Structure formats: structure tokens, C-alpha cells
Amino acid sequence: MKILAVDDEELALSSLRRLLRRRGLRDVQTCNNGLQAVRIMMDHEFDVVLLDYLMPHLDGLQILEKVKPHRPATEFIMITAVDDI
């Protein structure tokens, strides 16, 4: 399974990567920028994208709207550390 984790906080990304690898998932790529995430997802297919909801420049919903039509088989899971959404 090929996974992309997108979050603007490096600590969150490294924690996600470690957790997923401990669970046996080795093909995990990370990205800390929404604009870069869109470019990566347009160039490469992923089975699952863990997508931070709140990020600068492009938020998770904007990224989802841009990419999902081009990658309909990719599953997107929105994540956030904000507890009032």
C-alpha cells in the first residue's frame, strides 16, 4: 500500500511515518506543503492520502477538490489537531 501523509507540521509527519512503519507499512511518503502535495499526487498514484485539514496556502479541502477528480481511486482521510472543527 502506497501512502502519502500531508501536514505542515514536521513533528506530526514524523510521528505519522513512525506509526505507519511500526504497523508494517513501508511505502510512506510525506509532504509538508499543500502546493507540493498537489504536484506529487498529480505525478504519482497513492492508495491512501492522510491530509491535514488546516494548512497555509492550500487547505486539505482545496487539495482534495483539485486532486480527487484526477485520482478517483485514491482514498483521502482528513486529519487535524484542531479540536473545534
N, C-alpha and C. Protein backbone atom coordinates (compact mmCIF):
# COMPACT_ATOMS: atom_id res chain seq x y z
N MET A 1 0.84 -1.18 0.00
CA MET A 1 0.00 0.00 0.00
C MET A 1 0.89 1.24 0.00
N LYS A 2 0.60 2.15 -0.90
CA LYS A 2 1.37 3.38 -1.04
C LYS A 2 0.60 4.52 -0.37
N ILE A 3 1.27 5.19 0.59
CA ILE A 3 0.61 6.21 1.41
C ILE A 3 1.37 7.53 1.30
N LEU A 4 0.60 8.63 1.23
CA LEU A 4 1.17 9.97 1.31
C LEU A 4 0.56 10.65 2.53
N ALA A 5 1.39 11.20 3.39
CA ALA A 5 0.93 11.98 4.54
C ALA A 5 1.29 13.44 4.29
N VAL A 6 0.29 14.32 4.39
CA VAL A 6 0.48 15.74 4.12
C VAL A 6 0.10 16.53 5.36
N ASP A 7 1.06 17.26 5.91
CA ASP A 7 0.83 18.08 7.10
C ASP A 7 1.89 19.16 7.13
N ASP A 8 1.53 20.36 7.54
CA ASP A 8 2.51 21.44 7.58
C ASP A 8 3.39 21.40 8.82
N GLU A 9 3.14 20.47 9.73
CA GLU A 9 3.95 20.34 10.93
C GLU A 9 4.85 19.11 10.82
N GLU A 10 6.16 19.36 10.83
CA GLU A 10 7.13 18.28 10.67
C GLU A 10 7.00 17.22 11.76
N LEU A 11 6.72 17.63 13.00
CA LEU A 11 6.59 16.67 14.10
C LEU A 11 5.43 15.72 13.84
N ALA A 12 4.34 16.23 13.34
CA ALA A 12 3.18 15.38 13.02
C ALA A 12 3.54 14.39 11.91
N LEU A 13 4.26 14.86 10.90
CA LEU A 13 4.66 13.98 9.80
C LEU A 13 5.59 12.87 10.27
N SER A 14 6.57 13.21 11.08
CA SER A 14 7.50 12.17 11.54
C SER A 14 6.79 11.18 12.45
N SER A 15 5.86 11.63 13.26
CA SER A 15 5.08 10.73 14.12
C SER A 15 4.22 9.79 13.29
N LEU A 16 3.55 10.33 12.26
CA LEU A 16 2.73 9.50 11.38
C LEU A 16 3.57 8.46 10.66
N ARG A 17 4.70 8.88 10.14
CA ARG A 17 5.59 7.95 9.43
C ARG A 17 6.04 6.82 10.34
N ARG A 18 6.46 7.16 11.56
CA ARG A 18 6.90 6.13 12.51
C ARG A 18 5.77 5.17 12.86
N LEU A 19 4.59 5.71 13.12
CA LEU A 19 3.43 4.88 13.47
C LEU A 19 3.08 3.92 12.34
N LEU A 20 3.03 4.43 11.13
CA LEU A 20 2.68 3.59 9.98
C LEU A 20 3.74 2.52 9.73
N ARG A 21 4.98 2.87 9.87
CA ARG A 21 6.05 1.89 9.66
C ARG A 21 6.03 0.81 10.73
N ARG A 22 5.71 1.19 11.97
CA ARG A 22 5.58 0.19 13.03
C ARG A 22 4.44 -0.78 12.74
N ARG A 23 3.46 -0.31 12.00
CA ARG A 23 2.32 -1.15 11.61
C ARG A 23 2.63 -1.97 10.35
N GLY A 24 3.85 -1.87 9.86
CA GLY A 24 4.26 -2.68 8.71
C GLY A 24 4.08 -2.01 7.36
N LEU A 25 3.71 -0.76 7.34
CA LEU A 25 3.52 -0.03 6.09
C LEU A 25 4.82 0.69 5.76
N ARG A 26 5.51 0.22 4.74
CA ARG A 26 6.85 0.73 4.43
C ARG A 26 6.85 1.80 3.34
N ASP A 27 5.85 1.82 2.48
CA ASP A 27 5.83 2.77 1.37
C ASP A 27 5.06 4.02 1.79
N VAL A 28 5.70 4.82 2.64
CA VAL A 28 5.08 6.03 3.18
C VAL A 28 5.92 7.23 2.77
N GLN A 29 5.29 8.15 2.06
CA GLN A 29 5.94 9.38 1.66
C GLN A 29 5.28 10.52 2.42
N THR A 30 6.04 11.57 2.73
CA THR A 30 5.48 12.72 3.44
C THR A 30 5.71 13.99 2.66
N CYS A 31 4.88 14.98 2.96
CA CYS A 31 4.96 16.28 2.31
C CYS A 31 4.44 17.32 3.29
N ASN A 32 5.13 18.46 3.41
CA ASN A 32 4.71 19.47 4.38
C ASN A 32 4.15 20.73 3.74
N ASN A 33 3.70 20.64 2.50
CA ASN A 33 3.25 21.81 1.77
C ASN A 33 2.12 21.41 0.82
N GLY A 34 1.01 22.11 0.89
CA GLY A 34 -0.14 21.77 0.07
C GLY A 34 0.10 21.88 -1.43
N LEU A 35 0.82 22.91 -1.85
CA LEU A 35 1.10 23.08 -3.28
C LEU A 35 1.97 21.94 -3.79
N GLN A 36 2.98 21.59 -3.01
CA GLN A 36 3.84 20.46 -3.39
C GLN A 36 3.06 19.15 -3.38
N ALA A 37 2.15 19.00 -2.42
CA ALA A 37 1.33 17.78 -2.33
C ALA A 37 0.51 17.58 -3.60
N VAL A 38 -0.07 18.66 -4.11
CA VAL A 38 -0.85 18.55 -5.35
C VAL A 38 0.03 18.08 -6.49
N ARG A 39 1.23 18.66 -6.62
CA ARG A 39 2.15 18.25 -7.69
C ARG A 39 2.53 16.77 -7.55
N ILE A 40 2.83 16.35 -6.33
CA ILE A 40 3.21 14.96 -6.09
C ILE A 40 2.07 14.02 -6.46
N MET A 41 0.85 14.36 -6.05
CA MET A 41 -0.30 13.49 -6.32
C MET A 41 -0.69 13.47 -7.79
N MET A 42 -0.40 14.53 -8.52
CA MET A 42 -0.67 14.53 -9.96
C MET A 42 0.33 13.65 -10.71
N ASP A 43 1.54 13.55 -10.16
CA ASP A 43 2.60 12.77 -10.80
C ASP A 43 2.65 11.31 -10.36
N HIS A 44 2.13 11.01 -9.17
CA HIS A 44 2.24 9.66 -8.61
C HIS A 44 0.90 9.23 -8.02
N GLU A 45 0.62 7.95 -8.14
CA GLU A 45 -0.61 7.41 -7.56
C GLU A 45 -0.35 6.92 -6.14
N PHE A 46 -1.31 7.15 -5.27
CA PHE A 46 -1.26 6.68 -3.89
C PHE A 46 -2.56 5.94 -3.60
N ASP A 47 -2.47 4.95 -2.74
CA ASP A 47 -3.68 4.24 -2.30
C ASP A 47 -4.44 5.08 -1.29
N VAL A 48 -3.69 5.70 -0.37
CA VAL A 48 -4.28 6.49 0.70
C VAL A 48 -3.48 7.77 0.88
N VAL A 49 -4.21 8.88 1.10
CA VAL A 49 -3.58 10.15 1.44
C VAL A 49 -4.15 10.60 2.77
N LEU A 50 -3.26 10.79 3.75
CA LEU A 50 -3.62 11.37 5.04
C LEU A 50 -3.39 12.86 4.90
N LEU A 51 -4.45 13.63 5.00
CA LEU A 51 -4.40 15.04 4.59
C LEU A 51 -4.82 15.95 5.74
N ASP A 52 -3.90 16.80 6.17
CA ASP A 52 -4.20 17.77 7.23
C ASP A 52 -5.28 18.73 6.73
N TYR A 53 -6.23 18.99 7.58
CA TYR A 53 -7.35 19.85 7.21
C TYR A 53 -6.94 21.32 7.12
N LEU A 54 -6.15 21.78 8.10
CA LEU A 54 -5.76 23.20 8.15
C LEU A 54 -4.28 23.36 7.84
N MET A 55 -4.00 24.00 6.70
CA MET A 55 -2.63 24.28 6.30
C MET A 55 -2.61 25.62 5.58
N PRO A 56 -1.44 26.29 5.56
CA PRO A 56 -1.35 27.55 4.80
C PRO A 56 -1.36 27.29 3.30
N HIS A 57 -1.68 28.30 2.54
CA HIS A 57 -1.71 28.30 1.07
C HIS A 57 -2.87 27.47 0.52
N LEU A 58 -2.85 26.17 0.70
CA LEU A 58 -3.97 25.30 0.30
C LEU A 58 -4.35 24.46 1.49
N ASP A 59 -5.62 24.50 1.88
CA ASP A 59 -6.03 23.63 2.99
C ASP A 59 -6.42 22.26 2.44
N GLY A 60 -6.70 21.35 3.33
CA GLY A 60 -7.00 19.97 2.94
C GLY A 60 -8.16 19.85 1.97
N LEU A 61 -9.22 20.62 2.18
CA LEU A 61 -10.37 20.55 1.27
C LEU A 61 -10.03 21.07 -0.12
N GLN A 62 -9.24 22.11 -0.19
CA GLN A 62 -8.83 22.64 -1.50
C GLN A 62 -7.97 21.62 -2.25
N ILE A 63 -7.09 20.96 -1.52
CA ILE A 63 -6.25 19.92 -2.14
C ILE A 63 -7.13 18.78 -2.64
N LEU A 64 -8.06 18.35 -1.81
CA LEU A 64 -8.98 17.28 -2.18
C LEU A 64 -9.75 17.64 -3.44
N GLU A 65 -10.27 18.86 -3.52
CA GLU A 65 -11.03 19.30 -4.69
C GLU A 65 -10.17 19.31 -5.96
N LYS A 66 -8.90 19.65 -5.84
CA LYS A 66 -8.02 19.70 -7.00
C LYS A 66 -7.60 18.31 -7.48
N VAL A 67 -7.38 17.39 -6.55
CA VAL A 67 -6.77 16.11 -6.89
C VAL A 67 -7.78 14.99 -7.12
N LYS A 68 -8.85 14.94 -6.34
CA LYS A 68 -9.78 13.80 -6.40
C LYS A 68 -10.31 13.51 -7.80
N PRO A 69 -10.66 14.53 -8.61
CA PRO A 69 -11.13 14.22 -9.96
C PRO A 69 -10.09 13.49 -10.82
N HIS A 70 -8.81 13.71 -10.53
CA HIS A 70 -7.73 13.08 -11.30
C HIS A 70 -7.30 11.75 -10.69
N ARG A 71 -7.63 11.52 -9.44
CA ARG A 71 -7.24 10.30 -8.73
C ARG A 71 -8.46 9.72 -7.98
N PRO A 72 -9.48 9.30 -8.73
CA PRO A 72 -10.72 8.84 -8.07
C PRO A 72 -10.54 7.59 -7.22
N ALA A 73 -9.54 6.77 -7.50
CA ALA A 73 -9.35 5.54 -6.72
C ALA A 73 -8.62 5.80 -5.40
N THR A 74 -8.00 6.95 -5.26
CA THR A 74 -7.26 7.27 -4.03
C THR A 74 -8.24 7.58 -2.91
N GLU A 75 -8.00 6.98 -1.76
CA GLU A 75 -8.80 7.27 -0.57
C GLU A 75 -8.13 8.41 0.19
N PHE A 76 -8.90 9.42 0.56
CA PHE A 76 -8.39 10.55 1.32
C PHE A 76 -8.97 10.52 2.72
N ILE A 77 -8.10 10.66 3.70
CA ILE A 77 -8.51 10.72 5.10
C ILE A 77 -8.06 12.07 5.64
N MET A 78 -9.03 12.88 6.04
CA MET A 78 -8.71 14.21 6.58
C MET A 78 -8.33 14.06 8.05
N ILE A 79 -7.24 14.74 8.43
CA ILE A 79 -6.77 14.72 9.80
C ILE A 79 -6.59 16.15 10.28
N THR A 80 -6.66 16.36 11.59
CA THR A 80 -6.39 17.68 12.15
C THR A 80 -6.09 17.56 13.63
N ALA A 81 -5.30 18.49 14.12
CA ALA A 81 -5.02 18.56 15.55
C ALA A 81 -5.94 19.57 16.23
N VAL A 82 -6.72 20.28 15.43
CA VAL A 82 -7.64 21.29 15.97
C VAL A 82 -8.88 20.58 16.48
N ASP A 83 -9.26 20.89 17.71
CA ASP A 83 -10.37 20.16 18.32
C ASP A 83 -11.72 20.86 18.19
N ASP A 84 -11.80 21.99 17.50
CA ASP A 84 -13.09 22.69 17.39
C ASP A 84 -13.68 22.65 15.99
N ILE A 85 -13.16 21.80 15.12
CA ILE A 85 -13.70 21.72 13.75
C ILE A 85 -14.86 20.76 13.73
